[in-house]
PDB file of N, CA and C in Angstrom:
ATOM      1  N   TYR A   1       0.759  -1.106  -0.218  1.00  0.00           N
ATOM      2  CA  TYR A   1       0.029   0.071   0.040  1.00  0.00           C
ATOM      3  C   TYR A   1       0.602   0.996   0.169  1.00  0.00           C
ATOM      4  N   SER A   2       0.721   2.093  -0.671  1.00  0.00           N
ATOM      5  CA  SER A   2       1.471   3.053  -0.370  1.00  0.00           C
ATOM      6  C   SER A   2       0.232   4.782  -1.203  1.00  0.00           C
ATOM      7  N   ALA A   3       0.695   5.399  -0.628  1.00  0.00           N
ATOM      8  CA  ALA A   3      -0.608   6.673  -0.705  1.00  0.00           C
ATOM      9  C   ALA A   3       0.257   8.222   0.569  1.00  0.00           C
ATOM     10  N   THR A   4      -0.077   9.011   0.164  1.00  0.00           N
ATOM     11  CA  THR A   4       0.458  10.350   0.494  1.00  0.00           C
ATOM     12  C   THR A   4      -0.346  11.038   0.861  1.00  0.00           C
ATOM     13  N   VAL A   5      -0.306  11.956   2.030  1.00  0.00           N
ATOM     14  CA  VAL A   5      -1.143  12.394   2.431  1.00  0.00           C
ATOM     15  C   VAL A   5      -0.432  13.922   2.740  1.00  0.00           C
ATOM     16  N   ALA A   6      -1.587  14.920   1.969  1.00  0.00           N
ATOM     17  CA  ALA A   6      -0.998  16.399   1.281  1.00  0.00           C
ATOM     18  C   ALA A   6      -1.759  17.711   2.649  1.00  0.00           C
ATOM     19  N   ALA A   7      -0.619  18.505   2.495  1.00  0.00           N
ATOM     20  CA  ALA A   7      -1.315  19.622   3.326  1.00  0.00           C
ATOM     21  C   ALA A   7      -1.029  20.824   2.244  1.00  0.00           C
ATOM     22  N   THR A   8      -1.810  21.837   2.203  1.00  0.00           N
ATOM     23  CA  THR A   8      -1.308  23.507   2.036  1.00  0.00           C
ATOM     24  C   THR A   8      -1.180  24.950   2.209  1.00  0.00           C
ATOM     25  N   GLY A   9      -0.688  25.162   2.297  1.00  0.00           N
ATOM     26  CA  GLY A   9      -0.630  26.769   3.449  1.00  0.00           C
ATOM     27  C   GLY A   9       0.458  26.597   5.057  1.00  0.00           C
ATOM     28  N   GLY A  10       0.555  27.236   4.988  1.00  0.00           N
ATOM     29  CA  GLY A  10       1.178  26.799   6.746  1.00  0.00           C
ATOM     30  C   GLY A  10       2.369  26.783   6.245  1.00  0.00           C
ATOM     31  N   VAL A  11       3.765  26.885   7.368  1.00  0.00           N
ATOM     32  CA  VAL A  11       5.267  26.892   7.181  1.00  0.00           C
ATOM     33  C   VAL A  11       5.465  25.907   7.008  1.00  0.00           C
ATOM     34  N   LEU A  12       6.559  25.565   5.821  1.00  0.00           N
ATOM     35  CA  LEU A  12       7.194  24.530   6.154  1.00  0.00           C
ATOM     36  C   LEU A  12       8.265  24.601   7.206  1.00  0.00           C
ATOM     37  N   PRO A  13       8.993  23.448   7.671  1.00  0.00           N
ATOM     38  CA  PRO A  13       8.591  21.713   7.104  1.00  0.00           C
ATOM     39  C   PRO A  13       7.208  21.425   7.679  1.00  0.00           C
ATOM     40  N   TYR A  14       6.731  20.684   7.887  1.00  0.00           N
ATOM     41  CA  TYR A  14       5.581  19.808   8.020  1.00  0.00           C
ATOM     42  C   TYR A  14       6.275  18.375   8.772  1.00  0.00           C
ATOM     43  N   ALA A  15       5.538  18.278  10.012  1.00  0.00           N
ATOM     44  CA  ALA A  15       5.545  16.627  10.538  1.00  0.00           C
ATOM     45  C   ALA A  15       4.128  16.585  10.475  1.00  0.00           C
ATOM     46  N   TRP A  16       4.165  15.029  10.646  1.00  0.00           N
ATOM     47  CA  TRP A  16       2.901  13.936  10.074  1.00  0.00           C
ATOM     48  C   TRP A  16       2.931  13.956  11.655  1.00  0.00           C
ATOM     49  N   SER A  17       1.785  13.265  11.794  1.00  0.00           N
ATOM     50  CA  SER A  17       1.590  12.428  13.239  1.00  0.00           C
ATOM     51  C   SER A  17       0.386  11.852  13.354  1.00  0.00           C
ATOM     52  N   LEU A  18      -0.075  10.394  13.931  1.00  0.00           N
ATOM     53  CA  LEU A  18      -1.377  10.153  14.216  1.00  0.00           C
ATOM     54  C   LEU A  18      -1.613  10.237  15.573  1.00  0.00           C
ATOM     55  N   ALA A  19      -2.979  11.829  15.164  1.00  0.00           N
ATOM     56  CA  ALA A  19      -3.696  12.184  16.568  1.00  0.00           C
ATOM     57  C   ALA A  19      -4.241  11.398  17.465  1.00  0.00           C
ATOM     58  N   SER A  20      -5.441  10.103  16.788  1.00  0.00           N
ATOM     59  CA  SER A  20      -5.362   8.895  17.374  1.00  0.00           C
ATOM     60  C   SER A  20      -5.947   7.997  16.564  1.00  0.00           C
ATOM     61  N   GLY A  21      -6.186   7.152  17.628  1.00  0.00           N
ATOM     62  CA  GLY A  21      -6.616   5.703  16.271  1.00  0.00           C
ATOM     63  C   GLY A  21      -5.335   4.962  15.694  1.00  0.00           C
ATOM     64  N   SER A  22      -5.273   3.830  15.187  1.00  0.00           N
ATOM     65  CA  SER A  22      -4.177   3.244  14.844  1.00  0.00           C
ATOM     66  C   SER A  22      -4.097   2.927  13.032  1.00  0.00           C
ATOM     67  N   LEU A  23      -3.232   2.637  12.819  1.00  0.00           N
ATOM     68  CA  LEU A  23      -2.935   2.041  11.066  1.00  0.00           C
ATOM     69  C   LEU A  23      -3.272   0.454  11.227  1.00  0.00           C
ATOM     70  N   PRO A  24      -3.209   0.569  10.103  1.00  0.00           N
ATOM     71  CA  PRO A  24      -3.454  -1.689   9.925  1.00  0.00           C
ATOM     72  C   PRO A  24      -2.368  -1.730  10.243  1.00  0.00           C
ATOM     73  N   GLN A  25      -1.600  -2.960  10.908  1.00  0.00           N
ATOM     74  CA  GLN A  25      -0.836  -3.662  11.170  1.00  0.00           C
ATOM     75  C   GLN A  25       0.113  -3.585   9.811  1.00  0.00           C
ATOM     76  N   GLY A  26       1.323  -3.271   9.862  1.00  0.00           N
ATOM     77  CA  GLY A  26       2.095  -3.440   8.440  1.00  0.00           C
ATOM     78  C   GLY A  26       2.332  -2.512   7.902  1.00  0.00           C
ATOM     79  N   LEU A  27       2.006  -0.875   8.241  1.00  0.00           N
ATOM     80  CA  LEU A  27       2.184   0.259   7.612  1.00  0.00           C
ATOM     81  C   LEU A  27       1.784   0.968   8.788  1.00  0.00           C
ATOM     82  N   SER A  28       2.819   2.276   8.143  1.00  0.00           N
ATOM     83  CA  SER A  28       3.841   3.262   8.797  1.00  0.00           C
ATOM     84  C   SER A  28       3.444   4.982   8.310  1.00  0.00           C
ATOM     85  N   LEU A  29       3.365   5.672   9.169  1.00  0.00           N
ATOM     86  CA  LEU A  29       3.502   7.093   8.714  1.00  0.00           C
ATOM     87  C   LEU A  29       4.007   7.797   8.668  1.00  0.00           C
ATOM     88  N   GLY A  30       5.340   8.290   7.138  1.00  0.00           N
ATOM     89  CA  GLY A  30       6.448   8.875   7.628  1.00  0.00           C
ATOM     90  C   GLY A  30       5.971   9.789   7.896  1.00  0.00           C
ATOM     91  N   ALA A  31       7.057  10.472   9.231  1.00  0.00           N
ATOM     92  CA  ALA A  31       6.984  11.850   9.629  1.00  0.00           C
ATOM     93  C   ALA A  31       7.307  12.936   9.223  1.00  0.00           C
ATOM     94  N   SER A  32       8.627  13.247   8.432  1.00  0.00           N
ATOM     95  CA  SER A  32       8.403  14.412   7.748  1.00  0.00           C
ATOM     96  C   SER A  32       8.029  14.488   5.823  1.00  0.00           C
ATOM     97  N   THR A  33       7.337  13.289   5.898  1.00  0.00           N
ATOM     98  CA  THR A  33       7.232  12.621   3.529  1.00  0.00           C
ATOM     99  C   THR A  33       4.886  12.716   4.457  1.00  0.00           C
ATOM    100  N   GLY A  34       4.310  12.551   5.263  1.00  0.00           N
ATOM    101  CA  GLY A  34       3.189  11.953   5.439  1.00  0.00           C
ATOM    102  C   GLY A  34       2.541  10.840   4.130  1.00  0.00           C
ATOM    103  N   ALA A  35       3.404   9.718   3.742  1.00  0.00           N
ATOM    104  CA  ALA A  35       3.658   8.877   3.454  1.00  0.00           C
ATOM    105  C   ALA A  35       3.022   7.699   4.128  1.00  0.00           C
ATOM    106  N   ILE A  36       1.950   7.204   4.064  1.00  0.00           N
ATOM    107  CA  ILE A  36       1.543   5.925   4.235  1.00  0.00           C
ATOM    108  C   ILE A  36       1.802   4.546   3.776  1.00  0.00           C
ATOM    109  N   THR A  37       2.234   3.979   3.896  1.00  0.00           N
ATOM    110  CA  THR A  37       3.291   2.535   2.840  1.00  0.00           C
ATOM    111  C   THR A  37       3.545   1.516   3.994  1.00  0.00           C
ATOM    112  N   GLY A  38       3.517   0.412   3.247  1.00  0.00           N
ATOM    113  CA  GLY A  38       3.883  -0.510   3.591  1.00  0.00           C
ATOM    114  C   GLY A  38       2.088  -1.877   2.898  1.00  0.00           C
ATOM    115  N   THR A  39       3.282  -3.046   3.756  1.00  0.00           N
ATOM    116  CA  THR A  39       2.011  -4.096   3.481  1.00  0.00           C
ATOM    117  C   THR A  39       1.041  -5.071   4.819  1.00  0.00           C
ATOM    118  N   PRO A  40      -0.656  -4.243   4.621  1.00  0.00           N
ATOM    119  CA  PRO A  40      -0.919  -4.398   5.407  1.00  0.00           C
ATOM    120  C   PRO A  40      -0.919  -5.653   6.014  1.00  0.00           C
ATOM    121  N   THR A  41      -0.864  -6.656   7.405  1.00  0.00           N
ATOM    122  CA  THR A  41      -1.327  -7.933   7.709  1.00  0.00           C
ATOM    123  C   THR A  41      -2.272  -8.053   8.461  1.00  0.00           C
ATOM    124  N   ASP A  42      -3.197  -6.964   9.359  1.00  0.00           N
ATOM    125  CA  ASP A  42      -4.161  -7.433   9.779  1.00  0.00           C
ATOM    126  C   ASP A  42      -5.309  -7.510   8.772  1.00  0.00           C
ATOM    127  N   PRO A  43      -6.813  -8.145   9.731  1.00  0.00           N
ATOM    128  CA  PRO A  43      -7.523  -8.828   9.195  1.00  0.00           C
ATOM    129  C   PRO A  43      -8.574  -7.122   8.550  1.00  0.00           C
ATOM    130  N   ALA A  44      -9.837  -8.073   7.209  1.00  0.00           N
ATOM    131  CA  ALA A  44      -9.791  -8.145   6.843  1.00  0.00           C
ATOM    132  C   ALA A  44     -11.310  -6.544   7.144  1.00  0.00           C
ATOM    133  N   ILE A  45     -10.370  -5.511   7.464  1.00  0.00           N
ATOM    134  CA  ILE A  45     -12.130  -4.620   8.233  1.00  0.00           C
ATOM    135  C   ILE A  45     -11.394  -3.514   7.805  1.00  0.00           C
ATOM    136  N   LEU A  46     -12.034  -2.002   8.319  1.00  0.00           N
ATOM    137  CA  LEU A  46     -11.925  -0.658   8.157  1.00  0.00           C
ATOM    138  C   LEU A  46     -11.221  -0.550   9.163  1.00  0.00           C
ATOM    139  N   TYR A  47     -10.442   0.519   9.033  1.00  0.00           N
ATOM    140  CA  TYR A  47      -9.553   1.385  10.372  1.00  0.00           C
ATOM    141  C   TYR A  47      -9.434   2.736   9.793  1.00  0.00           C
ATOM    142  N   SER A  48      -9.925   3.295  11.377  1.00  0.00           N
ATOM    143  CA  SER A  48     -10.329   4.899  11.176  1.00  0.00           C
ATOM    144  C   SER A  48      -9.379   5.353  12.057  1.00  0.00           C
ATOM    145  N   PHE A  49      -8.960   6.871  11.480  1.00  0.00           N
ATOM    146  CA  PHE A  49      -7.756   7.299  12.302  1.00  0.00           C
ATOM    147  C   PHE A  49      -7.632   8.932  11.942  1.00  0.00           C
ATOM    148  N   ASP A  50      -6.871   9.232  12.770  1.00  0.00           N
ATOM    149  CA  ASP A  50      -6.596  10.857  12.893  1.00  0.00           C
ATOM    150  C   ASP A  50      -5.784  11.440  12.798  1.00  0.00           C
ATOM    151  N   VAL A  51      -5.231  12.334  11.653  1.00  0.00           N
ATOM    152  CA  VAL A  51      -3.780  12.358  11.239  1.00  0.00           C
ATOM    153  C   VAL A  51      -3.493  13.790  11.350  1.00  0.00           C
ATOM    154  N   ARG A  52      -2.685  14.059  12.246  1.00  0.00           N
ATOM    155  CA  ARG A  52      -2.389  15.430  12.281  1.00  0.00           C
ATOM    156  C   ARG A  52      -0.795  16.088  11.268  1.00  0.00           C
ATOM    157  N   VAL A  53      -1.033  17.215  11.351  1.00  0.00           N
ATOM    158  CA  VAL A  53       0.115  17.844   9.929  1.00  0.00           C
ATOM    159  C   VAL A  53       0.426  18.828  11.560  1.00  0.00           C
ATOM    160  N   THR A  54       1.454  19.484  11.356  1.00  0.00           N
ATOM    161  CA  THR A  54       2.325  20.580  12.088  1.00  0.00           C
ATOM    162  C   THR A  54       2.883  21.280  11.361  1.00  0.00           C
ATOM    163  N   GLY A  55       2.995  22.559  11.008  1.00  0.00           N
ATOM    164  CA  GLY A  55       3.557  23.429  10.544  1.00  0.00           C
ATOM    165  C   GLY A  55       5.101  23.716  10.835  1.00  0.00           C
ATOM    166  N   GLY A  56       5.989  24.617  10.364  1.00  0.00           N
ATOM    167  CA  GLY A  56       7.331  24.658  11.559  1.00  0.00           C
ATOM    168  C   GLY A  56       7.108  25.847  12.188  1.00  0.00           C
ATOM    169  N   ASP A  57       5.700  25.830  12.164  1.00  0.00           N
ATOM    170  CA  ASP A  57       5.828  27.775  13.021  1.00  0.00           C
ATOM    171  C   ASP A  57       4.710  26.888  14.270  1.00  0.00           C
ATOM    172  N   GLY A  58       4.765  25.599  14.361  1.00  0.00           N
ATOM    173  CA  GLY A  58       3.801  24.925  15.860  1.00  0.00           C
ATOM    174  C   GLY A  58       2.218  25.077  15.124  1.00  0.00           C
ATOM    175  N   GLN A  59       2.069  25.640  14.313  1.00  0.00           N
ATOM    176  CA  GLN A  59       0.149  25.443  14.048  1.00  0.00           C
ATOM    177  C   GLN A  59       0.167  24.246  13.471  1.00  0.00           C
ATOM    178  N   SER A  60      -0.917  23.214  14.070  1.00  0.00           N
ATOM    179  CA  SER A  60      -1.580  22.244  14.021  1.00  0.00           C
ATOM    180  C   SER A  60      -2.704  22.223  13.108  1.00  0.00           C
ATOM    181  N   SER A  61      -3.047  20.637  12.732  1.00  0.00           N
ATOM    182  CA  SER A  61      -4.704  20.861  11.992  1.00  0.00           C
ATOM    183  C   SER A  61      -4.580  18.926  12.042  1.00  0.00           C
ATOM    184  N   THR A  62      -5.793  18.547  12.118  1.00  0.00           N
ATOM    185  CA  THR A  62      -5.765  17.081  12.162  1.00  0.00           C
ATOM    186  C   THR A  62      -7.290  16.684  11.635  1.00  0.00           C
ATOM    187  N   ARG A  63      -7.095  15.540  10.472  1.00  0.00           N
ATOM    188  CA  ARG A  63      -8.309  14.889   9.883  1.00  0.00           C
ATOM    189  C   ARG A  63      -8.577  14.313   9.799  1.00  0.00           C
ATOM    190  N   PRO A  64      -9.458  13.591   9.776  1.00  0.00           N
ATOM    191  CA  PRO A  64      -9.957  11.763   9.881  1.00  0.00           C
ATOM    192  C   PRO A  64      -9.842  11.382   8.831  1.00  0.00           C
ATOM    193  N   LEU A  65      -9.333   9.896   8.457  1.00  0.00           N
ATOM    194  CA  LEU A  65      -9.514   9.448   7.469  1.00  0.00           C
ATOM    195  C   LEU A  65      -9.503   7.786   7.720  1.00  0.00           C
ATOM    196  N   SER A  66      -9.409   7.379   6.649  1.00  0.00           N
ATOM    197  CA  SER A  66      -9.853   5.532   6.930  1.00  0.00           C
ATOM    198  C   SER A  66      -9.219   4.922   5.675  1.00  0.00           C
ATOM    199  N   ILE A  67      -8.888   4.007   5.881  1.00  0.00           N
ATOM    200  CA  ILE A  67      -8.262   2.699   5.133  1.00  0.00           C
ATOM    201  C   ILE A  67      -8.764   1.421   5.370  1.00  0.00           C
ATOM    202  N   ARG A  68      -9.339   0.716   4.121  1.00  0.00           N
ATOM    203  CA  ARG A  68     -10.335  -0.485   4.650  1.00  0.00           C
ATOM    204  C   ARG A  68      -9.612  -1.608   3.818  1.00  0.00           C
ATOM    205  N   VAL A  69      -9.079  -2.233   4.672  1.00  0.00           N
ATOM    206  CA  VAL A  69      -8.259  -3.505   4.146  1.00  0.00           C
ATOM    207  C   VAL A  69      -9.075  -4.479   3.619  1.00  0.00           C
ATOM    208  N   THR A  70      -8.834  -5.234   2.650  1.00  0.00           N
ATOM    209  CA  THR A  70      -9.429  -6.385   2.217  1.00  0.00           C
ATOM    210  C   THR A  70      -8.496  -7.486   1.875  1.00  0.00           C
ATOM    211  N   ALA A  71      -9.314  -9.150   1.390  1.00  0.00           N
ATOM    212  CA  ALA A  71      -8.388 -10.108   1.340  1.00  0.00           C
ATOM    213  C   ALA A  71      -8.107  -9.840  -0.060  1.00  0.00           C
TER     214      ALA A  71
END
């Protein structure tokens, strides 16, 4: 799996993190890139989580996202 979360505006550099929830086992979020990559190993269900981006000025924004793992 490979997808990248993007942001506009704010002050670079951006830092990405999970604000709540969790990614499927086997996936990770790149803290400096916003890339979610890996091979999911969890059961085939819907995973919901919140991703936070923090700009170089300390301002942050959070957005809910989800990934559905299928067999």
